[in-house]
N, C-alpha and C. Protein backbone atom coordinates (compact mmCIF):
# COMPACT_ATOMS: atom_id res chain seq x y z
N MET A 1 12.30 -32.51 10.00
CA MET A 1 11.20 -31.60 10.18
C MET A 1 10.73 -31.69 11.62
N LEU A 2 10.51 -30.54 12.23
CA LEU A 2 10.02 -30.49 13.60
C LEU A 2 8.53 -30.73 13.59
N ASP A 3 8.06 -31.63 14.42
CA ASP A 3 6.63 -31.93 14.49
C ASP A 3 6.15 -31.55 15.87
N ARG A 4 5.48 -30.42 15.97
CA ARG A 4 5.00 -29.94 17.26
C ARG A 4 3.51 -30.19 17.36
N THR A 5 3.07 -30.56 18.53
CA THR A 5 1.63 -30.64 18.74
C THR A 5 1.08 -29.25 19.04
N ASP A 6 1.91 -28.39 19.61
CA ASP A 6 1.52 -26.99 19.85
C ASP A 6 1.68 -26.23 18.55
N LYS A 7 0.58 -25.79 17.97
CA LYS A 7 0.63 -25.15 16.66
C LYS A 7 0.77 -23.63 16.75
N SER A 8 0.99 -23.12 17.94
CA SER A 8 1.15 -21.67 18.07
C SER A 8 2.54 -21.28 17.60
N GLY A 9 2.65 -20.06 17.17
CA GLY A 9 3.95 -19.57 16.74
C GLY A 9 4.28 -20.00 15.33
N GLY A 10 5.32 -19.41 14.81
CA GLY A 10 5.73 -19.72 13.46
C GLY A 10 4.89 -18.96 12.45
N LYS A 11 5.39 -18.92 11.24
CA LYS A 11 4.66 -18.24 10.17
C LYS A 11 4.84 -19.01 8.89
N LEU A 12 3.90 -18.86 8.01
CA LEU A 12 3.93 -19.51 6.71
C LEU A 12 5.03 -18.86 5.87
N VAL A 13 5.87 -19.70 5.27
CA VAL A 13 6.94 -19.20 4.41
C VAL A 13 6.88 -19.93 3.07
N ARG A 14 7.54 -19.37 2.07
CA ARG A 14 7.61 -20.00 0.76
C ARG A 14 8.28 -21.38 0.87
N ASP A 15 7.91 -22.26 -0.04
CA ASP A 15 8.37 -23.65 0.00
C ASP A 15 9.89 -23.79 -0.04
N GLY A 16 10.58 -22.87 -0.68
CA GLY A 16 12.03 -22.98 -0.82
C GLY A 16 12.83 -22.41 0.34
N ILE A 17 12.18 -21.79 1.29
CA ILE A 17 12.89 -21.14 2.40
C ILE A 17 13.70 -22.13 3.23
N PRO A 18 13.18 -23.32 3.57
CA PRO A 18 14.02 -24.25 4.36
C PRO A 18 15.35 -24.58 3.66
N GLN A 19 15.33 -24.77 2.35
CA GLN A 19 16.56 -25.07 1.61
C GLN A 19 17.52 -23.89 1.63
N ILE A 20 16.97 -22.69 1.53
CA ILE A 20 17.81 -21.49 1.59
C ILE A 20 18.49 -21.40 2.95
N ILE A 21 17.74 -21.66 4.00
CA ILE A 21 18.31 -21.64 5.36
C ILE A 21 19.39 -22.71 5.49
N GLN A 22 19.12 -23.91 4.98
CA GLN A 22 20.11 -24.99 5.04
C GLN A 22 21.37 -24.65 4.26
N SER A 23 21.23 -23.95 3.14
CA SER A 23 22.40 -23.59 2.33
C SER A 23 23.32 -22.63 3.07
N ARG A 24 22.79 -21.98 4.09
CA ARG A 24 23.61 -21.07 4.91
C ARG A 24 24.22 -21.81 6.10
N GLY A 25 24.02 -23.13 6.15
CA GLY A 25 24.60 -23.92 7.24
C GLY A 25 23.75 -23.92 8.50
N GLU A 26 22.52 -23.45 8.41
CA GLU A 26 21.63 -23.43 9.56
C GLU A 26 20.60 -24.54 9.41
N VAL A 27 19.93 -24.88 10.51
CA VAL A 27 18.92 -25.93 10.50
C VAL A 27 17.56 -25.30 10.80
N PRO A 28 16.68 -25.27 9.80
CA PRO A 28 15.36 -24.66 10.03
C PRO A 28 14.48 -25.59 10.87
N GLU A 29 13.72 -25.01 11.75
CA GLU A 29 12.72 -25.75 12.52
C GLU A 29 11.38 -25.50 11.85
N ILE A 30 10.84 -26.53 11.21
CA ILE A 30 9.61 -26.38 10.44
C ILE A 30 8.65 -27.51 10.75
N ARG A 31 7.42 -27.32 10.34
CA ARG A 31 6.38 -28.35 10.38
C ARG A 31 5.40 -28.02 9.29
N ARG A 32 4.55 -28.94 8.94
CA ARG A 32 3.51 -28.69 7.94
C ARG A 32 2.22 -28.30 8.65
N ALA A 33 1.59 -27.26 8.14
CA ALA A 33 0.33 -26.78 8.72
C ALA A 33 -0.79 -27.76 8.42
N GLU A 34 -1.69 -27.90 9.36
CA GLU A 34 -2.91 -28.67 9.14
C GLU A 34 -3.81 -27.87 8.21
N PRO A 35 -4.72 -28.52 7.46
CA PRO A 35 -5.53 -27.81 6.47
C PRO A 35 -6.29 -26.59 7.00
N ASP A 36 -6.94 -26.70 8.16
CA ASP A 36 -7.69 -25.55 8.68
C ASP A 36 -6.74 -24.45 9.14
N GLU A 37 -5.61 -24.82 9.68
CA GLU A 37 -4.61 -23.84 10.10
C GLU A 37 -3.99 -23.18 8.87
N TYR A 38 -3.76 -23.96 7.82
CA TYR A 38 -3.16 -23.47 6.58
C TYR A 38 -3.96 -22.30 6.00
N HIS A 39 -5.27 -22.44 5.96
CA HIS A 39 -6.12 -21.38 5.42
C HIS A 39 -5.97 -20.09 6.24
N LYS A 40 -5.95 -20.22 7.56
CA LYS A 40 -5.77 -19.04 8.41
C LYS A 40 -4.38 -18.43 8.19
N LEU A 41 -3.36 -19.28 8.08
CA LEU A 41 -2.01 -18.78 7.86
C LEU A 41 -1.90 -18.07 6.51
N LEU A 42 -2.60 -18.58 5.50
CA LEU A 42 -2.61 -17.90 4.20
C LEU A 42 -3.26 -16.52 4.31
N ARG A 43 -4.34 -16.44 5.06
CA ARG A 43 -4.99 -15.13 5.27
C ARG A 43 -4.05 -14.18 6.00
N ASP A 44 -3.36 -14.69 7.02
CA ASP A 44 -2.39 -13.87 7.74
C ASP A 44 -1.26 -13.42 6.82
N LYS A 45 -0.79 -14.34 5.95
CA LYS A 45 0.28 -14.01 5.01
C LYS A 45 -0.18 -12.95 4.02
N LEU A 46 -1.42 -13.03 3.57
CA LEU A 46 -1.96 -12.02 2.66
C LEU A 46 -1.92 -10.65 3.33
N GLN A 47 -2.35 -10.58 4.58
CA GLN A 47 -2.32 -9.30 5.30
C GLN A 47 -0.89 -8.80 5.45
N GLU A 48 0.03 -9.71 5.78
CA GLU A 48 1.45 -9.33 5.91
C GLU A 48 1.98 -8.74 4.60
N GLU A 49 1.69 -9.41 3.49
CA GLU A 49 2.20 -8.95 2.20
C GLU A 49 1.56 -7.63 1.79
N VAL A 50 0.27 -7.46 2.05
CA VAL A 50 -0.40 -6.19 1.75
C VAL A 50 0.22 -5.07 2.59
N ASP A 51 0.44 -5.32 3.88
CA ASP A 51 1.06 -4.32 4.73
C ASP A 51 2.46 -3.94 4.23
N GLU A 52 3.23 -4.96 3.79
CA GLU A 52 4.57 -4.69 3.26
C GLU A 52 4.49 -3.85 1.99
N PHE A 53 3.53 -4.15 1.12
CA PHE A 53 3.38 -3.34 -0.09
C PHE A 53 2.99 -1.91 0.25
N LEU A 54 2.04 -1.75 1.16
CA LEU A 54 1.59 -0.41 1.53
C LEU A 54 2.72 0.42 2.13
N ALA A 55 3.62 -0.23 2.84
CA ALA A 55 4.75 0.47 3.45
C ALA A 55 5.82 0.83 2.42
N SER A 56 5.98 0.00 1.39
CA SER A 56 7.11 0.18 0.48
C SER A 56 6.72 0.58 -0.95
N GLU A 57 5.53 0.21 -1.39
CA GLU A 57 5.09 0.34 -2.78
C GLU A 57 6.05 -0.36 -3.75
N ASP A 58 6.71 -1.39 -3.27
CA ASP A 58 7.64 -2.18 -4.08
C ASP A 58 6.85 -3.17 -4.93
N PRO A 59 7.01 -3.15 -6.25
CA PRO A 59 6.29 -4.09 -7.11
C PRO A 59 6.54 -5.56 -6.75
N GLU A 60 7.69 -5.88 -6.17
CA GLU A 60 7.95 -7.26 -5.74
C GLU A 60 6.96 -7.69 -4.67
N GLU A 61 6.52 -6.75 -3.86
CA GLU A 61 5.51 -7.07 -2.84
C GLU A 61 4.17 -7.37 -3.51
N LEU A 62 3.88 -6.69 -4.63
CA LEU A 62 2.66 -7.02 -5.38
C LEU A 62 2.74 -8.45 -5.91
N ALA A 63 3.92 -8.85 -6.37
CA ALA A 63 4.11 -10.23 -6.83
C ALA A 63 3.88 -11.21 -5.69
N ASP A 64 4.34 -10.86 -4.49
CA ASP A 64 4.09 -11.71 -3.32
C ASP A 64 2.60 -11.81 -3.02
N ILE A 65 1.90 -10.69 -3.15
CA ILE A 65 0.45 -10.69 -2.93
C ILE A 65 -0.22 -11.63 -3.93
N LEU A 66 0.19 -11.54 -5.20
CA LEU A 66 -0.39 -12.43 -6.22
C LEU A 66 -0.13 -13.89 -5.89
N GLU A 67 1.07 -14.21 -5.43
CA GLU A 67 1.38 -15.59 -5.07
C GLU A 67 0.45 -16.09 -3.97
N VAL A 68 0.23 -15.26 -2.97
CA VAL A 68 -0.66 -15.65 -1.87
C VAL A 68 -2.10 -15.75 -2.36
N VAL A 69 -2.53 -14.81 -3.20
CA VAL A 69 -3.90 -14.84 -3.75
C VAL A 69 -4.11 -16.12 -4.55
N HIS A 70 -3.16 -16.47 -5.40
CA HIS A 70 -3.29 -17.70 -6.19
C HIS A 70 -3.33 -18.93 -5.28
N THR A 71 -2.52 -18.93 -4.23
CA THR A 71 -2.51 -20.07 -3.31
C THR A 71 -3.80 -20.14 -2.51
N LEU A 72 -4.31 -19.00 -2.07
CA LEU A 72 -5.60 -18.96 -1.38
C LEU A 72 -6.71 -19.46 -2.29
N GLY A 73 -6.68 -19.01 -3.54
CA GLY A 73 -7.67 -19.48 -4.50
C GLY A 73 -7.63 -20.99 -4.64
N ALA A 74 -6.42 -21.53 -4.79
CA ALA A 74 -6.28 -22.98 -4.92
C ALA A 74 -6.80 -23.69 -3.68
N ASP A 75 -6.56 -23.10 -2.51
CA ASP A 75 -7.05 -23.69 -1.27
C ASP A 75 -8.58 -23.71 -1.23
N LEU A 76 -9.19 -22.76 -1.93
CA LEU A 76 -10.65 -22.69 -2.02
C LEU A 76 -11.19 -23.46 -3.23
N GLY A 77 -10.29 -24.08 -3.99
CA GLY A 77 -10.72 -24.85 -5.15
C GLY A 77 -10.85 -24.03 -6.42
N VAL A 78 -10.22 -22.87 -6.46
CA VAL A 78 -10.29 -21.97 -7.62
C VAL A 78 -8.87 -21.76 -8.14
N ASP A 79 -8.63 -22.15 -9.41
CA ASP A 79 -7.27 -21.99 -9.93
C ASP A 79 -7.08 -20.57 -10.49
N ALA A 80 -5.84 -20.28 -10.90
CA ALA A 80 -5.49 -18.94 -11.37
C ALA A 80 -6.34 -18.52 -12.57
N ALA A 81 -6.61 -19.45 -13.48
CA ALA A 81 -7.42 -19.12 -14.65
C ALA A 81 -8.85 -18.77 -14.24
N GLN A 82 -9.39 -19.49 -13.28
CA GLN A 82 -10.74 -19.18 -12.80
C GLN A 82 -10.77 -17.84 -12.10
N LEU A 83 -9.73 -17.54 -11.32
CA LEU A 83 -9.66 -16.23 -10.67
C LEU A 83 -9.64 -15.12 -11.72
N GLU A 84 -8.86 -15.33 -12.77
CA GLU A 84 -8.79 -14.32 -13.83
C GLU A 84 -10.14 -14.17 -14.52
N GLU A 85 -10.86 -15.26 -14.73
CA GLU A 85 -12.20 -15.19 -15.32
C GLU A 85 -13.13 -14.39 -14.42
N LEU A 86 -13.06 -14.62 -13.11
CA LEU A 86 -13.88 -13.87 -12.17
C LEU A 86 -13.54 -12.39 -12.22
N ARG A 87 -12.24 -12.09 -12.23
CA ARG A 87 -11.79 -10.70 -12.28
C ARG A 87 -12.26 -10.03 -13.57
N ALA A 88 -12.04 -10.70 -14.69
CA ALA A 88 -12.42 -10.13 -15.99
C ALA A 88 -13.93 -9.94 -16.10
N GLY A 89 -14.69 -10.88 -15.55
CA GLY A 89 -16.15 -10.75 -15.57
C GLY A 89 -16.62 -9.55 -14.78
N LYS A 90 -16.04 -9.36 -13.61
CA LYS A 90 -16.42 -8.18 -12.81
C LYS A 90 -16.00 -6.90 -13.51
N ALA A 91 -14.82 -6.91 -14.13
CA ALA A 91 -14.35 -5.72 -14.84
C ALA A 91 -15.25 -5.41 -16.02
N ALA A 92 -15.70 -6.43 -16.74
CA ALA A 92 -16.59 -6.22 -17.88
C ALA A 92 -17.94 -5.68 -17.42
N LYS A 93 -18.42 -6.16 -16.30
CA LYS A 93 -19.73 -5.76 -15.81
C LYS A 93 -19.71 -4.41 -15.09
N ARG A 94 -18.67 -4.19 -14.26
CA ARG A 94 -18.66 -3.00 -13.40
C ARG A 94 -17.49 -2.07 -13.65
N GLY A 95 -16.56 -2.50 -14.50
CA GLY A 95 -15.37 -1.70 -14.77
C GLY A 95 -14.25 -2.06 -13.82
N GLY A 96 -13.11 -1.43 -14.07
CA GLY A 96 -11.95 -1.60 -13.21
C GLY A 96 -11.77 -0.38 -12.33
N PHE A 97 -10.53 -0.02 -12.10
CA PHE A 97 -10.22 1.14 -11.25
C PHE A 97 -9.31 2.14 -11.95
N ARG A 98 -9.09 1.96 -13.24
CA ARG A 98 -8.14 2.78 -13.98
C ARG A 98 -8.60 4.21 -14.20
N ASP A 99 -9.90 4.47 -14.17
CA ASP A 99 -10.40 5.82 -14.40
C ASP A 99 -10.33 6.71 -13.16
N ARG A 100 -9.86 6.16 -12.05
CA ARG A 100 -9.63 6.92 -10.80
C ARG A 100 -10.90 7.60 -10.28
N ILE A 101 -12.04 6.95 -10.42
CA ILE A 101 -13.32 7.52 -9.99
C ILE A 101 -13.46 7.39 -8.48
N VAL A 102 -13.78 8.51 -7.84
CA VAL A 102 -14.01 8.55 -6.39
C VAL A 102 -15.48 8.89 -6.17
N TRP A 103 -16.19 8.05 -5.48
CA TRP A 103 -17.62 8.23 -5.24
C TRP A 103 -17.85 8.93 -3.91
N HIS A 104 -18.76 9.92 -3.89
CA HIS A 104 -19.07 10.68 -2.67
C HIS A 104 -20.52 10.51 -2.25
N GLY A 105 -21.22 9.56 -2.79
CA GLY A 105 -22.63 9.37 -2.46
C GLY A 105 -23.50 9.73 -3.65
N ASN A 106 -24.82 9.79 -3.40
CA ASN A 106 -25.80 10.08 -4.45
C ASN A 106 -26.59 11.32 -4.10
N ARG A 107 -27.17 11.91 -5.11
CA ARG A 107 -28.09 13.03 -4.90
C ARG A 107 -29.48 12.57 -5.30
N THR A 108 -30.47 13.10 -4.63
CA THR A 108 -31.83 12.81 -5.04
C THR A 108 -32.14 13.61 -6.30
N ALA A 109 -33.25 13.35 -6.89
CA ALA A 109 -33.64 14.07 -8.12
C ALA A 109 -33.71 15.57 -7.89
N LEU A 110 -33.93 16.01 -6.64
CA LEU A 110 -34.01 17.43 -6.34
C LEU A 110 -32.65 18.04 -6.04
N GLY A 111 -31.59 17.23 -6.05
CA GLY A 111 -30.26 17.77 -5.89
C GLY A 111 -29.67 17.64 -4.49
N ALA A 112 -30.44 17.21 -3.51
CA ALA A 112 -29.89 17.05 -2.15
C ALA A 112 -29.11 15.77 -2.07
N ALA A 113 -27.99 15.83 -1.39
CA ALA A 113 -27.16 14.61 -1.22
C ALA A 113 -27.90 13.62 -0.33
N SER A 114 -27.78 12.35 -0.66
CA SER A 114 -28.43 11.32 0.16
C SER A 114 -27.39 10.45 0.82
């Protein structure tokens, strides 16, 4: 494992990627992220995966987003079951997005848009 004091460069990859690279006869240059850097890298990875999904609409990219969301949750001390409880609670209280409702603002009692 490469241990650099300069933490610039590189990107967060799935845990199995170094082995995949090695199986191709290549030598990956890797290091372990420090905890504060790890959180930032997870946020960057979430943005990367969201951008990839938006560009492709590939369901596999949604699975990647879920993996990053679960890992971010764990980094914040919230496991997948707790995340699901939070999601379900918000859905029960405010609904989901399945009804395709688009909000354009409110009207006053006299009918003028506010």
